[in-house]
Amino acid sequence: MRNTVPEAWYLVLLVVTVVVVPFIVGLLFVKIYRFFKPFEQADQDSIGLAHLTENRDGFFKIFFVGLLICLPVFYLIYQAG
């Protein structure tokens, strides 16, 4: 750990940032979207496991939304550097 060059820590920080920041941004935007447009509730007669799992947003949907929002910003930062 003591002999690790600072560039290695910068790479670790970059990888964590590229994964965590889009997820947080995507989660924020999906929560705001679901506040204004929630899932449609089905009638009470047709409740089941398939219905329960379709009424939530998965990790990859949230991550993809965050990437769509963050990638232009990441590109601008890359071009400036």
C-alpha atoms as a PDB file:
ATOM      1  CA  MET A   1       0.000   0.000   0.000  1.00  0.00           C
ATOM      2  CA  ARG A   2       2.817   2.418   0.771  1.00  0.00           C
ATOM      3  CA  ASN A   3       4.535   1.814  -2.548  1.00  0.00           C
ATOM      4  CA  THR A   4       1.431   2.360  -4.649  1.00  0.00           C
ATOM      5  CA  VAL A   5       1.805   5.177  -7.124  1.00  0.00           C
ATOM      6  CA  PRO A   6      -0.802   7.965  -7.007  1.00  0.00           C
ATOM      7  CA  GLU A   7      -1.900   7.161 -10.563  1.00  0.00           C
ATOM      8  CA  ALA A   8      -3.178   3.780  -9.382  1.00  0.00           C
ATOM      9  CA  TRP A   9      -5.354   5.462  -6.772  1.00  0.00           C
ATOM     10  CA  TYR A  10      -6.603   7.903  -9.415  1.00  0.00           C
ATOM     11  CA  LEU A  11      -7.597   4.954 -11.583  1.00  0.00           C
ATOM     12  CA  VAL A  12      -9.485   3.323  -8.709  1.00  0.00           C
ATOM     13  CA  LEU A  13     -11.238   6.615  -7.968  1.00  0.00           C
ATOM     14  CA  LEU A  14     -12.106   7.025 -11.655  1.00  0.00           C
ATOM     15  CA  VAL A  15     -13.605   3.529 -11.934  1.00  0.00           C
ATOM     16  CA  VAL A  16     -15.659   3.982  -8.767  1.00  0.00           C
ATOM     17  CA  THR A  17     -16.845   7.391  -9.968  1.00  0.00           C
ATOM     18  CA  VAL A  18     -17.837   6.086 -13.398  1.00  0.00           C
ATOM     19  CA  VAL A  19     -20.010   3.402 -11.760  1.00  0.00           C
ATOM     20  CA  VAL A  20     -21.389   5.133  -8.655  1.00  0.00           C
ATOM     21  CA  VAL A  21     -22.210   8.592 -10.027  1.00  0.00           C
ATOM     22  CA  PRO A  22     -24.405   7.358 -12.929  1.00  0.00           C
ATOM     23  CA  PHE A  23     -26.227   5.001 -10.572  1.00  0.00           C
ATOM     24  CA  ILE A  24     -26.994   7.803  -8.099  1.00  0.00           C
ATOM     25  CA  VAL A  25     -28.049  10.188 -10.878  1.00  0.00           C
ATOM     26  CA  GLY A  26     -30.203   7.491 -12.486  1.00  0.00           C
ATOM     27  CA  LEU A  27     -31.794   6.625  -9.161  1.00  0.00           C
ATOM     28  CA  LEU A  28     -32.604  10.285  -8.570  1.00  0.00           C
ATOM     29  CA  PHE A  29     -34.154  10.769 -12.010  1.00  0.00           C
ATOM     30  CA  VAL A  30     -36.142   7.506 -11.870  1.00  0.00           C
ATOM     31  CA  LYS A  31     -37.484   8.413  -8.406  1.00  0.00           C
ATOM     32  CA  ILE A  32     -38.552  11.834  -9.699  1.00  0.00           C
ATOM     33  CA  TYR A  33     -40.119  10.216 -12.773  1.00  0.00           C
ATOM     34  CA  ARG A  34     -41.988   7.653 -10.674  1.00  0.00           C
ATOM     35  CA  PHE A  35     -43.245  10.426  -8.393  1.00  0.00           C
ATOM     36  CA  PHE A  36     -45.036  12.063 -11.333  1.00  0.00           C
ATOM     37  CA  LYS A  37     -45.868   8.889 -13.269  1.00  0.00           C
ATOM     38  CA  PRO A  38     -46.213   5.907 -10.921  1.00  0.00           C
ATOM     39  CA  PHE A  39     -46.795   2.341 -12.029  1.00  0.00           C
ATOM     40  CA  GLU A  40     -50.351   1.512 -12.993  1.00  0.00           C
ATOM     41  CA  GLN A  41     -52.089  -0.574 -10.369  1.00  0.00           C
ATOM     42  CA  ALA A  42     -53.824  -3.694 -11.640  1.00  0.00           C
ATOM     43  CA  ASP A  43     -57.108  -4.898 -10.262  1.00  0.00           C
ATOM     44  CA  GLN A  44     -56.938  -6.899  -7.053  1.00  0.00           C
ATOM     45  CA  ASP A  45     -58.072 -10.131  -8.727  1.00  0.00           C
ATOM     46  CA  SER A  46     -54.863 -10.634 -10.710  1.00  0.00           C
ATOM     47  CA  ILE A  47     -52.103 -10.501  -8.127  1.00  0.00           C
ATOM     48  CA  GLY A  48     -49.118 -12.777  -8.597  1.00  0.00           C
ATOM     49  CA  LEU A  49     -45.354 -13.016  -8.593  1.00  0.00           C
ATOM     50  CA  ALA A  50     -45.017 -11.782 -12.168  1.00  0.00           C
ATOM     51  CA  HIS A  51     -47.118  -8.748 -11.340  1.00  0.00           C
ATOM     52  CA  LEU A  52     -45.073  -7.958  -8.240  1.00  0.00           C
ATOM     53  CA  THR A  53     -41.727  -8.059 -10.049  1.00  0.00           C
ATOM     54  CA  GLU A  54     -42.850  -5.980 -13.022  1.00  0.00           C
ATOM     55  CA  ASN A  55     -43.759  -3.052 -10.770  1.00  0.00           C
ATOM     56  CA  ARG A  56     -40.228  -1.986  -9.934  1.00  0.00           C
ATOM     57  CA  ASP A  57     -37.223  -0.549 -11.695  1.00  0.00           C
ATOM     58  CA  GLY A  58     -34.181  -2.792 -11.862  1.00  0.00           C
ATOM     59  CA  PHE A  59     -30.524  -1.963 -11.388  1.00  0.00           C
ATOM     60  CA  PHE A  60     -29.668  -1.881 -15.086  1.00  0.00           C
ATOM     61  CA  LYS A  61     -32.571   0.391 -15.990  1.00  0.00           C
ATOM     62  CA  ILE A  62     -31.504   2.863 -13.304  1.00  0.00           C
ATOM     63  CA  PHE A  63     -27.835   2.566 -14.321  1.00  0.00           C
ATOM     64  CA  PHE A  64     -28.642   3.034 -18.025  1.00  0.00           C
ATOM     65  CA  VAL A  65     -30.696   6.170 -17.336  1.00  0.00           C
ATOM     66  CA  GLY A  66     -27.827   7.516 -15.259  1.00  0.00           C
ATOM     67  CA  LEU A  67     -25.339   6.729 -18.019  1.00  0.00           C
ATOM     68  CA  LEU A  68     -27.478   8.503 -20.603  1.00  0.00           C
ATOM     69  CA  ILE A  69     -27.457  11.598 -18.421  1.00  0.00           C
ATOM     70  CA  CYS A  70     -23.819  11.422 -17.266  1.00  0.00           C
ATOM     71  CA  LEU A  71     -22.014  10.353 -20.439  1.00  0.00           C
ATOM     72  CA  PRO A  72     -22.161  13.802 -22.095  1.00  0.00           C
ATOM     73  CA  VAL A  73     -20.725  15.325 -18.914  1.00  0.00           C
ATOM     74  CA  PHE A  74     -18.002  12.670 -18.761  1.00  0.00           C
ATOM     75  CA  TYR A  75     -17.204  13.340 -22.421  1.00  0.00           C
ATOM     76  CA  LEU A  76     -16.905  17.096 -21.828  1.00  0.00           C
ATOM     77  CA  ILE A  77     -14.587  16.474 -18.880  1.00  0.00           C
ATOM     78  CA  TYR A  78     -12.527  14.105 -21.028  1.00  0.00           C
ATOM     79  CA  GLN A  79     -12.273  16.663 -23.843  1.00  0.00           C
ATOM     80  CA  ALA A  80     -11.252  19.440 -21.443  1.00  0.00           C
ATOM     81  CA  GLY A  81      -8.498  17.335 -19.888  1.00  0.00           C
END
